[in-house]
Amino acid sequence: MCKMYTLLIVLLVISFAAAVPNCPATNGDQPTYFPHETSCSNFYECSHGIAYTMECPAGLDFNTRLNVCDLPERAGCRSTAKVPQTAD
């Protein structure tokens, strides 16, 4: 039973490490940004090799082209496909 828990913890650590971006050791005057893998309103800010999870203000998404929080329609993270409506 103890081996199963140990294996589970190791797998969780590996999956978390794979999800966090590989930040550069130094980033000069400007921080390095990466989009979050599952959330349009979150992003990573790298500072001296460490990735910090950041969150945009309510209603905004991270715009990867401009590296800023922006309106969802400008950020382009969310699907713009429209679901066809059916007649009732």
PDB file of N, CA and C in Angstrom:
ATOM      1  N   MET A   1       0.825  -1.195   0.000  1.00  0.00           N
ATOM      2  CA  MET A   1       0.000   0.000   0.000  1.00  0.00           C
ATOM      3  C   MET A   1       0.870   1.259   0.000  1.00  0.00           C
ATOM      4  N   CYS A   2       1.956   1.252   0.778  1.00  0.00           N
ATOM      5  CA  CYS A   2       2.849   2.400   0.858  1.00  0.00           C
ATOM      6  C   CYS A   2       3.541   2.657  -0.480  1.00  0.00           C
ATOM      7  N   LYS A   3       3.887   1.593  -1.195  1.00  0.00           N
ATOM      8  CA  LYS A   3       4.529   1.742  -2.503  1.00  0.00           C
ATOM      9  C   LYS A   3       3.584   2.413  -3.492  1.00  0.00           C
ATOM     10  N   MET A   4       2.287   2.104  -3.389  1.00  0.00           N
ATOM     11  CA  MET A   4       1.309   2.695  -4.296  1.00  0.00           C
ATOM     12  C   MET A   4       1.219   4.212  -4.075  1.00  0.00           C
ATOM     13  N   TYR A   5       1.226   4.642  -2.817  1.00  0.00           N
ATOM     14  CA  TYR A   5       1.177   6.073  -2.519  1.00  0.00           C
ATOM     15  C   TYR A   5       2.444   6.781  -2.979  1.00  0.00           C
ATOM     16  N   THR A   6       3.576   6.128  -2.797  1.00  0.00           N
ATOM     17  CA  THR A   6       4.842   6.700  -3.246  1.00  0.00           C
ATOM     18  C   THR A   6       4.842   6.875  -4.757  1.00  0.00           C
ATOM     19  N   LEU A   7       4.377   5.862  -5.464  1.00  0.00           N
ATOM     20  CA  LEU A   7       4.295   5.942  -6.919  1.00  0.00           C
ATOM     21  C   LEU A   7       3.350   7.058  -7.355  1.00  0.00           C
ATOM     22  N   LEU A   8       2.231   7.192  -6.684  1.00  0.00           N
ATOM     23  CA  LEU A   8       1.270   8.247  -7.013  1.00  0.00           C
ATOM     24  C   LEU A   8       1.896   9.626  -6.821  1.00  0.00           C
ATOM     25  N   ILE A   9       2.608   9.816  -5.744  1.00  0.00           N
ATOM     26  CA  ILE A   9       3.260  11.105  -5.484  1.00  0.00           C
ATOM     27  C   ILE A   9       4.314  11.397  -6.545  1.00  0.00           C
ATOM     28  N   VAL A  10       5.102  10.406  -6.913  1.00  0.00           N
ATOM     29  CA  VAL A  10       6.126  10.596  -7.940  1.00  0.00           C
ATOM     30  C   VAL A  10       5.476  10.976  -9.267  1.00  0.00           C
ATOM     31  N   LEU A  11       4.393  10.313  -9.627  1.00  0.00           N
ATOM     32  CA  LEU A  11       3.693  10.643 -10.883  1.00  0.00           C
ATOM     33  C   LEU A  11       3.119  12.048 -10.856  1.00  0.00           C
ATOM     34  N   LEU A  12       2.574  12.468  -9.728  1.00  0.00           N
ATOM     35  CA  LEU A  12       2.045  13.826  -9.623  1.00  0.00           C
ATOM     36  C   LEU A  12       3.147  14.866  -9.766  1.00  0.00           C
ATOM     37  N   VAL A  13       4.285  14.633  -9.151  1.00  0.00           N
ATOM     38  CA  VAL A  13       5.412  15.571  -9.252  1.00  0.00           C
ATOM     39  C   VAL A  13       5.906  15.657 -10.682  1.00  0.00           C
ATOM     40  N   ILE A  14       6.009  14.523 -11.354  1.00  0.00           N
ATOM     41  CA  ILE A  14       6.461  14.512 -12.747  1.00  0.00           C
ATOM     42  C   ILE A  14       5.474  15.236 -13.641  1.00  0.00           C
ATOM     43  N   SER A  15       4.173  14.997 -13.452  1.00  0.00           N
ATOM     44  CA  SER A  15       3.187  15.662 -14.313  1.00  0.00           C
ATOM     45  C   SER A  15       3.160  17.161 -14.060  1.00  0.00           C
ATOM     46  N   PHE A  16       3.340  17.589 -12.816  1.00  0.00           N
ATOM     47  CA  PHE A  16       3.384  19.019 -12.521  1.00  0.00           C
ATOM     48  C   PHE A  16       4.617  19.653 -13.145  1.00  0.00           C
ATOM     49  N   ALA A  17       5.745  18.997 -13.027  1.00  0.00           N
ATOM     50  CA  ALA A  17       6.989  19.534 -13.587  1.00  0.00           C
ATOM     51  C   ALA A  17       6.908  19.649 -15.094  1.00  0.00           C
ATOM     52  N   ALA A  18       6.206  18.729 -15.751  1.00  0.00           N
ATOM     53  CA  ALA A  18       6.076  18.771 -17.204  1.00  0.00           C
ATOM     54  C   ALA A  18       5.178  19.922 -17.640  1.00  0.00           C
ATOM     55  N   ALA A  19       4.240  20.339 -16.791  1.00  0.00           N
ATOM     56  CA  ALA A  19       3.290  21.378 -17.153  1.00  0.00           C
ATOM     57  C   ALA A  19       3.875  22.780 -17.003  1.00  0.00           C
ATOM     58  N   VAL A  20       4.788  22.975 -16.070  1.00  0.00           N
ATOM     59  CA  VAL A  20       5.362  24.294 -15.823  1.00  0.00           C
ATOM     60  C   VAL A  20       6.412  24.581 -16.897  1.00  0.00           C
ATOM     61  N   PRO A  21       6.391  25.779 -17.466  1.00  0.00           N
ATOM     62  CA  PRO A  21       7.347  26.095 -18.534  1.00  0.00           C
ATOM     63  C   PRO A  21       8.794  26.088 -18.046  1.00  0.00           C
ATOM     64  N   ASN A  22       9.670  25.853 -18.978  1.00  0.00           N
ATOM     65  CA  ASN A  22      11.099  25.864 -18.699  1.00  0.00           C
ATOM     66  C   ASN A  22      11.593  27.299 -18.833  1.00  0.00           C
ATOM     67  N   CYS A  23      11.725  27.985 -17.726  1.00  0.00           N
ATOM     68  CA  CYS A  23      12.119  29.391 -17.734  1.00  0.00           C
ATOM     69  C   CYS A  23      13.616  29.548 -17.953  1.00  0.00           C
ATOM     70  N   PRO A  24      14.010  30.623 -18.651  1.00  0.00           N
ATOM     71  CA  PRO A  24      15.442  30.899 -18.784  1.00  0.00           C
ATOM     72  C   PRO A  24      16.028  31.288 -17.425  1.00  0.00           C
ATOM     73  N   ALA A  25      17.290  30.969 -17.202  1.00  0.00           N
ATOM     74  CA  ALA A  25      17.943  31.271 -15.923  1.00  0.00           C
ATOM     75  C   ALA A  25      17.999  32.771 -15.665  1.00  0.00           C
ATOM     76  N   THR A  26      18.210  33.552 -16.719  1.00  0.00           N
ATOM     77  CA  THR A  26      18.190  35.013 -16.599  1.00  0.00           C
ATOM     78  C   THR A  26      17.294  35.563 -17.699  1.00  0.00           C
ATOM     79  N   ASN A  27      16.683  36.689 -17.436  1.00  0.00           N
ATOM     80  CA  ASN A  27      15.788  37.264 -18.436  1.00  0.00           C
ATOM     81  C   ASN A  27      16.013  38.751 -18.642  1.00  0.00           C
ATOM     82  N   GLY A  28      17.140  39.270 -18.229  1.00  0.00           N
ATOM     83  CA  GLY A  28      17.457  40.669 -18.485  1.00  0.00           C
ATOM     84  C   GLY A  28      16.463  41.628 -17.863  1.00  0.00           C
ATOM     85  N   ASP A  29      16.165  42.688 -18.595  1.00  0.00           N
ATOM     86  CA  ASP A  29      15.262  43.728 -18.093  1.00  0.00           C
ATOM     87  C   ASP A  29      13.792  43.345 -18.221  1.00  0.00           C
ATOM     88  N   GLN A  30      13.475  42.448 -19.137  1.00  0.00           N
ATOM     89  CA  GLN A  30      12.085  42.098 -19.406  1.00  0.00           C
ATOM     90  C   GLN A  30      11.775  40.683 -18.919  1.00  0.00           C
ATOM     91  N   PRO A  31      10.664  40.496 -18.210  1.00  0.00           N
ATOM     92  CA  PRO A  31      10.285  39.140 -17.813  1.00  0.00           C
ATOM     93  C   PRO A  31       9.890  38.310 -19.026  1.00  0.00           C
ATOM     94  N   THR A  32       9.937  36.996 -18.872  1.00  0.00           N
ATOM     95  CA  THR A  32       9.509  36.075 -19.915  1.00  0.00           C
ATOM     96  C   THR A  32       8.141  35.537 -19.525  1.00  0.00           C
ATOM     97  N   TYR A  33       7.220  35.471 -20.481  1.00  0.00           N
ATOM     98  CA  TYR A  33       5.863  35.011 -20.219  1.00  0.00           C
ATOM     99  C   TYR A  33       5.552  33.765 -21.041  1.00  0.00           C
ATOM    100  N   PHE A  34       4.713  32.891 -20.472  1.00  0.00           N
ATOM    101  CA  PHE A  34       4.209  31.717 -21.165  1.00  0.00           C
ATOM    102  C   PHE A  34       2.724  31.595 -20.881  1.00  0.00           C
ATOM    103  N   PRO A  35       1.934  31.156 -21.864  1.00  0.00           N
ATOM    104  CA  PRO A  35       0.510  30.941 -21.594  1.00  0.00           C
ATOM    105  C   PRO A  35       0.329  29.740 -20.669  1.00  0.00           C
ATOM    106  N   HIS A  36      -0.728  29.750 -19.908  1.00  0.00           N
ATOM    107  CA  HIS A  36      -1.070  28.628 -19.043  1.00  0.00           C
ATOM    108  C   HIS A  36      -1.619  27.508 -19.917  1.00  0.00           C
ATOM    109  N   GLU A  37      -1.373  26.277 -19.542  1.00  0.00           N
ATOM    110  CA  GLU A  37      -1.767  25.147 -20.384  1.00  0.00           C
ATOM    111  C   GLU A  37      -3.264  24.840 -20.353  1.00  0.00           C
ATOM    112  N   THR A  38      -4.007  25.301 -19.347  1.00  0.00           N
ATOM    113  CA  THR A  38      -5.436  24.969 -19.282  1.00  0.00           C
ATOM    114  C   THR A  38      -6.352  26.159 -19.072  1.00  0.00           C
ATOM    115  N   SER A  39      -5.822  27.329 -18.773  1.00  0.00           N
ATOM    116  CA  SER A  39      -6.658  28.482 -18.458  1.00  0.00           C
ATOM    117  C   SER A  39      -6.262  29.693 -19.294  1.00  0.00           C
ATOM    118  N   CYS A  40      -7.236  30.259 -19.982  1.00  0.00           N
ATOM    119  CA  CYS A  40      -6.970  31.449 -20.797  1.00  0.00           C
ATOM    120  C   CYS A  40      -6.661  32.676 -19.939  1.00  0.00           C
ATOM    121  N   SER A  41      -7.192  32.716 -18.727  1.00  0.00           N
ATOM    122  CA  SER A  41      -6.989  33.906 -17.894  1.00  0.00           C
ATOM    123  C   SER A  41      -5.750  33.802 -17.000  1.00  0.00           C
ATOM    124  N   ASN A  42      -5.048  32.683 -17.044  1.00  0.00           N
ATOM    125  CA  ASN A  42      -3.806  32.538 -16.284  1.00  0.00           C
ATOM    126  C   ASN A  42      -2.617  32.514 -17.239  1.00  0.00           C
ATOM    127  N   PHE A  43      -1.452  32.822 -16.709  1.00  0.00           N
ATOM    128  CA  PHE A  43      -0.220  32.759 -17.486  1.00  0.00           C
ATOM    129  C   PHE A  43       0.941  32.599 -16.522  1.00  0.00           C
ATOM    130  N   TYR A  44       2.115  32.308 -17.039  1.00  0.00           N
ATOM    131  CA  TYR A  44       3.316  32.188 -16.223  1.00  0.00           C
ATOM    132  C   TYR A  44       4.226  33.376 -16.491  1.00  0.00           C
ATOM    133  N   GLU A  45       4.790  33.918 -15.431  1.00  0.00           N
ATOM    134  CA  GLU A  45       5.807  34.951 -15.537  1.00  0.00           C
ATOM    135  C   GLU A  45       7.095  34.366 -14.962  1.00  0.00           C
ATOM    136  N   CYS A  46       8.139  34.354 -15.768  1.00  0.00           N
ATOM    137  CA  CYS A  46       9.420  33.807 -15.331  1.00  0.00           C
ATOM    138  C   CYS A  46      10.294  34.911 -14.760  1.00  0.00           C
ATOM    139  N   SER A  47      10.927  34.585 -13.646  1.00  0.00           N
ATOM    140  CA  SER A  47      11.861  35.511 -13.036  1.00  0.00           C
ATOM    141  C   SER A  47      13.024  34.702 -12.480  1.00  0.00           C
ATOM    142  N   HIS A  48      14.203  34.906 -13.055  1.00  0.00           N
ATOM    143  CA  HIS A  48      15.427  34.238 -12.613  1.00  0.00           C
ATOM    144  C   HIS A  48      15.263  32.722 -12.555  1.00  0.00           C
ATOM    145  N   GLY A  49      14.655  32.152 -13.604  1.00  0.00           N
ATOM    146  CA  GLY A  49      14.539  30.710 -13.736  1.00  0.00           C
ATOM    147  C   GLY A  49      13.345  30.075 -13.056  1.00  0.00           C
ATOM    148  N   ILE A  50      12.500  30.854 -12.399  1.00  0.00           N
ATOM    149  CA  ILE A  50      11.332  30.313 -11.690  1.00  0.00           C
ATOM    150  C   ILE A  50      10.059  30.817 -12.356  1.00  0.00           C
ATOM    151  N   ALA A  51       9.119  29.888 -12.616  1.00  0.00           N
ATOM    152  CA  ALA A  51       7.835  30.243 -13.218  1.00  0.00           C
ATOM    153  C   ALA A  51       6.808  30.520 -12.117  1.00  0.00           C
ATOM    154  N   TYR A  52       6.210  31.692 -12.164  1.00  0.00           N
ATOM    155  CA  TYR A  52       5.164  32.073 -11.216  1.00  0.00           C
ATOM    156  C   TYR A  52       3.835  32.118 -11.960  1.00  0.00           C
ATOM    157  N   THR A  53       2.816  31.476 -11.408  1.00  0.00           N
ATOM    158  CA  THR A  53       1.488  31.509 -12.014  1.00  0.00           C
ATOM    159  C   THR A  53       0.846  32.850 -11.689  1.00  0.00           C
ATOM    160  N   MET A  54       0.386  33.530 -12.723  1.00  0.00           N
ATOM    161  CA  MET A  54      -0.258  34.829 -12.573  1.00  0.00           C
ATOM    162  C   MET A  54      -1.683  34.727 -13.104  1.00  0.00           C
ATOM    163  N   GLU A  55      -2.552  35.611 -12.660  1.00  0.00           N
ATOM    164  CA  GLU A  55      -3.940  35.600 -13.107  1.00  0.00           C
ATOM    165  C   GLU A  55      -4.339  36.984 -13.598  1.00  0.00           C
ATOM    166  N   CYS A  56      -4.986  37.000 -14.752  1.00  0.00           N
ATOM    167  CA  CYS A  56      -5.492  38.270 -15.281  1.00  0.00           C
ATOM    168  C   CYS A  56      -6.681  38.738 -14.449  1.00  0.00           C
ATOM    169  N   PRO A  57      -6.961  40.031 -14.453  1.00  0.00           N
ATOM    170  CA  PRO A  57      -8.171  40.530 -13.793  1.00  0.00           C
ATOM    171  C   PRO A  57      -9.420  39.883 -14.397  1.00  0.00           C
ATOM    172  N   ALA A  58     -10.484  39.848 -13.626  1.00  0.00           N
ATOM    173  CA  ALA A  58     -11.741  39.217 -14.049  1.00  0.00           C
ATOM    174  C   ALA A  58     -12.178  39.714 -15.421  1.00  0.00           C
ATOM    175  N   GLY A  59     -12.537  38.788 -16.286  1.00  0.00           N
ATOM    176  CA  GLY A  59     -13.042  39.132 -17.610  1.00  0.00           C
ATOM    177  C   GLY A  59     -11.970  39.285 -18.669  1.00  0.00           C
ATOM    178  N   LEU A  60     -10.693  39.153 -18.312  1.00  0.00           N
ATOM    179  CA  LEU A  60      -9.614  39.303 -19.279  1.00  0.00           C
ATOM    180  C   LEU A  60      -8.860  37.991 -19.457  1.00  0.00           C
ATOM    181  N   ASP A  61      -8.264  37.811 -20.633  1.00  0.00           N
ATOM    182  CA  ASP A  61      -7.458  36.646 -20.964  1.00  0.00           C
ATOM    183  C   ASP A  61      -6.040  37.096 -21.291  1.00  0.00           C
ATOM    184  N   PHE A  62      -5.097  36.164 -21.184  1.00  0.00           N
ATOM    185  CA  PHE A  62      -3.709  36.485 -21.513  1.00  0.00           C
ATOM    186  C   PHE A  62      -3.520  36.477 -23.026  1.00  0.00           C
ATOM    187  N   ASN A  63      -3.009  37.569 -23.549  1.00  0.00           N
ATOM    188  CA  ASN A  63      -2.752  37.716 -24.975  1.00  0.00           C
ATOM    189  C   ASN A  63      -1.282  37.371 -25.215  1.00  0.00           C
ATOM    190  N   THR A  64      -1.021  36.222 -25.870  1.00  0.00           N
ATOM    191  CA  THR A  64       0.350  35.756 -26.067  1.00  0.00           C
ATOM    192  C   THR A  64       1.127  36.603 -27.076  1.00  0.00           C
ATOM    193  N   ARG A  65       0.426  37.297 -27.965  1.00  0.00           N
ATOM    194  CA  ARG A  65       1.125  38.137 -28.944  1.00  0.00           C
ATOM    195  C   ARG A  65       1.669  39.413 -28.302  1.00  0.00           C
ATOM    196  N   LEU A  66       0.919  39.961 -27.342  1.00  0.00           N
ATOM    197  CA  LEU A  66       1.304  41.221 -26.716  1.00  0.00           C
ATOM    198  C   LEU A  66       1.859  41.055 -25.298  1.00  0.00           C
ATOM    199  N   ASN A  67       1.733  39.857 -24.730  1.00  0.00           N
ATOM    200  CA  ASN A  67       2.149  39.571 -23.353  1.00  0.00           C
ATOM    201  C   ASN A  67       1.462  40.477 -22.342  1.00  0.00           C
ATOM    202  N   VAL A  68       0.150  40.640 -22.521  1.00  0.00           N
ATOM    203  CA  VAL A  68      -0.662  41.439 -21.600  1.00  0.00           C
ATOM    204  C   VAL A  68      -2.013  40.756 -21.411  1.00  0.00           C
ATOM    205  N   CYS A  69      -2.713  41.133 -20.356  1.00  0.00           N
ATOM    206  CA  CYS A  69      -4.097  40.696 -20.188  1.00  0.00           C
ATOM    207  C   CYS A  69      -4.952  41.580 -21.089  1.00  0.00           C
ATOM    208  N   ASP A  70      -5.867  40.946 -21.800  1.00  0.00           N
ATOM    209  CA  ASP A  70      -6.606  41.648 -22.852  1.00  0.00           C
ATOM    210  C   ASP A  70      -8.035  41.114 -22.902  1.00  0.00           C
ATOM    211  N   LEU A  71      -8.871  41.783 -23.670  1.00  0.00           N
ATOM    212  CA  LEU A  71     -10.235  41.285 -23.882  1.00  0.00           C
ATOM    213  C   LEU A  71     -10.165  39.922 -24.555  1.00  0.00           C
ATOM    214  N   PRO A  72     -11.033  38.986 -24.172  1.00  0.00           N
ATOM    215  CA  PRO A  72     -10.984  37.634 -24.732  1.00  0.00           C
ATOM    216  C   PRO A  72     -11.003  37.603 -26.260  1.00  0.00           C
ATOM    217  N   GLU A  73     -11.792  38.453 -26.886  1.00  0.00           N
ATOM    218  CA  GLU A  73     -11.869  38.441 -28.351  1.00  0.00           C
ATOM    219  C   GLU A  73     -10.566  38.918 -28.998  1.00  0.00           C
ATOM    220  N   ARG A  74      -9.801  39.719 -28.285  1.00  0.00           N
ATOM    221  CA  ARG A  74      -8.503  40.165 -28.811  1.00  0.00           C
ATOM    222  C   ARG A  74      -7.386  39.194 -28.459  1.00  0.00           C
ATOM    223  N   ALA A  75      -7.506  38.529 -27.306  1.00  0.00           N
ATOM    224  CA  ALA A  75      -6.470  37.588 -26.863  1.00  0.00           C
ATOM    225  C   ALA A  75      -6.443  36.347 -27.750  1.00  0.00           C
ATOM    226  N   GLY A  76      -7.616  35.923 -28.224  1.00  0.00           N
ATOM    227  CA  GLY A  76      -7.685  34.805 -29.156  1.00  0.00           C
ATOM    228  C   GLY A  76      -7.447  33.433 -28.547  1.00  0.00           C
ATOM    229  N   CYS A  77      -7.613  33.301 -27.261  1.00  0.00           N
ATOM    230  CA  CYS A  77      -7.389  32.007 -26.611  1.00  0.00           C
ATOM    231  C   CYS A  77      -8.616  31.104 -26.698  1.00  0.00           C
ATOM    232  N   ARG A  78      -9.766  31.686 -26.557  1.00  0.00           N
ATOM    233  CA  ARG A  78     -11.001  30.895 -26.530  1.00  0.00           C
ATOM    234  C   ARG A  78     -11.495  30.607 -27.939  1.00  0.00           C
ATOM    235  N   SER A  79     -12.188  29.504 -28.072  1.00  0.00           N
ATOM    236  CA  SER A  79     -12.734  29.115 -29.371  1.00  0.00           C
ATOM    237  C   SER A  79     -13.777  30.135 -29.815  1.00  0.00           C
ATOM    238  N   THR A  80     -13.719  30.477 -31.078  1.00  0.00           N
ATOM    239  CA  THR A  80     -14.692  31.431 -31.616  1.00  0.00           C
ATOM    240  C   THR A  80     -15.766  30.721 -32.430  1.00  0.00           C
ATOM    241  N   ALA A  81     -15.714  29.385 -32.465  1.00  0.00           N
ATOM    242  CA  ALA A  81     -16.719  28.628 -33.217  1.00  0.00           C
ATOM    243  C   ALA A  81     -18.077  28.812 -32.575  1.00  0.00           C
ATOM    244  N   LYS A  82     -19.059  29.070 -33.411  1.00  0.00           N
ATOM    245  CA  LYS A  82     -20.417  29.271 -32.905  1.00  0.00           C
ATOM    246  C   LYS A  82     -21.202  27.971 -33.061  1.00  0.00           C
ATOM    247  N   VAL A  83     -21.963  27.667 -32.016  1.00  0.00           N
ATOM    248  CA  VAL A  83     -22.793  26.468 -32.049  1.00  0.00           C
ATOM    249  C   VAL A  83     -24.058  26.807 -32.812  1.00  0.00           C
ATOM    250  N   PRO A  84     -24.396  25.985 -33.841  1.00  0.00           N
ATOM    251  CA  PRO A  84     -25.609  26.270 -34.583  1.00  0.00           C
ATOM    252  C   PRO A  84     -26.835  26.148 -33.690  1.00  0.00           C
ATOM    253  N   GLN A  85     -27.744  27.088 -33.856  1.00  0.00           N
ATOM    254  CA  GLN A  85     -28.971  27.043 -33.067  1.00  0.00           C
ATOM    255  C   GLN A  85     -30.033  26.300 -33.833  1.00  0.00           C
ATOM    256  N   THR A  86     -30.828  25.546 -33.099  1.00  0.00           N
ATOM    257  CA  THR A  86     -31.916  24.793 -33.718  1.00  0.00           C
ATOM    258  C   THR A  86     -33.242  25.458 -33.411  1.00  0.00           C
ATOM    259  N   ALA A  87     -34.183  25.301 -34.320  1.00  0.00           N
ATOM    260  CA  ALA A  87     -35.521  25.865 -34.107  1.00  0.00           C
ATOM    261  C   ALA A  87     -36.247  25.012 -33.088  1.00  0.00           C
ATOM    262  N   ASP A  88     -36.945  25.667 -32.183  1.00  0.00           N
ATOM    263  CA  ASP A  88     -37.695  24.938 -31.150  1.00  0.00           C
ATOM    264  C   ASP A  88     -39.032  24.489 -31.654  1.00  0.00           C
TER     265      ASP A  88
END
